[in-house]
Amino acid sequence: DIGIFDDNRYFDVEIEYAQADPDDTLVQITAHNRGKEEAELCILPQAWFRNTWSWNHSKTSKRPSMTYVAEKRRIEIVHEKLGSYNLYMEDNTEVIFCENETHDAHATGGALSPYKEPEPVAKNEELLKYGDFRSLPGAAWHSIHSRFGTRLGPKPDGAQETGKDQGFRFHLSGRSSGCFKDGFHDYVIRGDQAAVSSSNGTKVGLLTRHKVAGGSQVSVRLRLTRAEIRFEKSAFADFGQLLQHRREDCDRFYQFLQEDIHSEERKVIHRQALAGMVWTKQLYYYDIRSWLQGDAGYPTPPSRGGRNEDWDHLYNLDVISMPDKWEYPWYATWDLAFHCLPLALVDPGFAKEQLRLLTSE
């Protein structure tokens, strides 16, 4: 225990989303200082475009844009396929931009590799009394050993491999200067003003700085709308009222769903658990043929073998309840099917379609 939570010295951050319309989303971020003393806090919500413009086979696509219009306190967002949107922020916000592109000078220093099918670690009788580590890849074993040391047995042989060591090519931007995707860190933490732009880019951060008294809170409000939507006054004139209406809608929904639950504490736990299930929905996009094709100008990546190697026809573009997002592109149909049990309580149509999707091909 390193004591970072002693005397409740931490911030509890709550993010609320509300729909005024299918193309009008309200966002409120509230940070609670749970400690007794005043503390400084930076809040930096971000929006960015997925970088497809740097792919060699996507040179025909037009580069999207985000532009700050100061007099209207909004970011104008333009994408050739998604259309045009406006992102509104409040007056005390500092707008910073960078490009969602790799910082070559940082990436070529030996970042850890993308996923590579590991060779099983040889069985070691000395290690078995601490647990079975036979299936751990070398990088994972190095990571665990560096944390727990000799309590897990002898130190692993050799140095930890990097992507560079394993022959993986870095996806570089080809630029030696400019504003890269790690620019927000350089600006906020190190004060490097050259790392960001104040006018435009493909990634935007809306920075506010606060001194929050002990036991109090601060809120930041944003609003994302289709460009056609206009406001007679401020984009935030009806924000509070709309947010409260959506809260009341949600309360009524759960009041009906929880009519057999009598403990208030259990109602809160139940509601948070189901909210977590809804939150795990995501767009799952996996194009096997593009993946296997590799990058133009480079040899086709070698096959690693293994389960479903012959599924080169697979093309997924669906919203799913995604188990273990960090393991993308691998997904667990067994786990997803179990997701459908609690999801059926709040969205039976979605749960049913998930099961149909899993058994359709």
Foldseek 3Di string as FASTA:
>chain_A
DPCPCPQNQDKDKDWDWFDPDPFKIKIKIKIWGQHQFKDKDKDKDKDFDDDPCLFPVNVVADDWKWWADPVQQWIWTAGPPVGIKIKHWDDQWQKWAFAAFDQVVVVVPFAAADDDQADFADDDPQQPVVNGRRRPHPLVLQVVCVVVPPVRHDHDDDDRHHNVNVPHDDSHPPDNAGAYPCLVCCCPVVVPPRNIDRTMYRMMITIHMDTAHHRDMDMIMMMMGHPVDDDPDHPCPCVVVSSVVRVVVVVVLLCVLCVVPDDPVVSVVLVVVLVVQVVQKDWQWDQLLVVQCDGPPDDGDDDPDDPPSVVNVDTGTDTANADPPVPPPDGDLVVRLVSLVSVCSVPVPRSVVSVCVVPVD
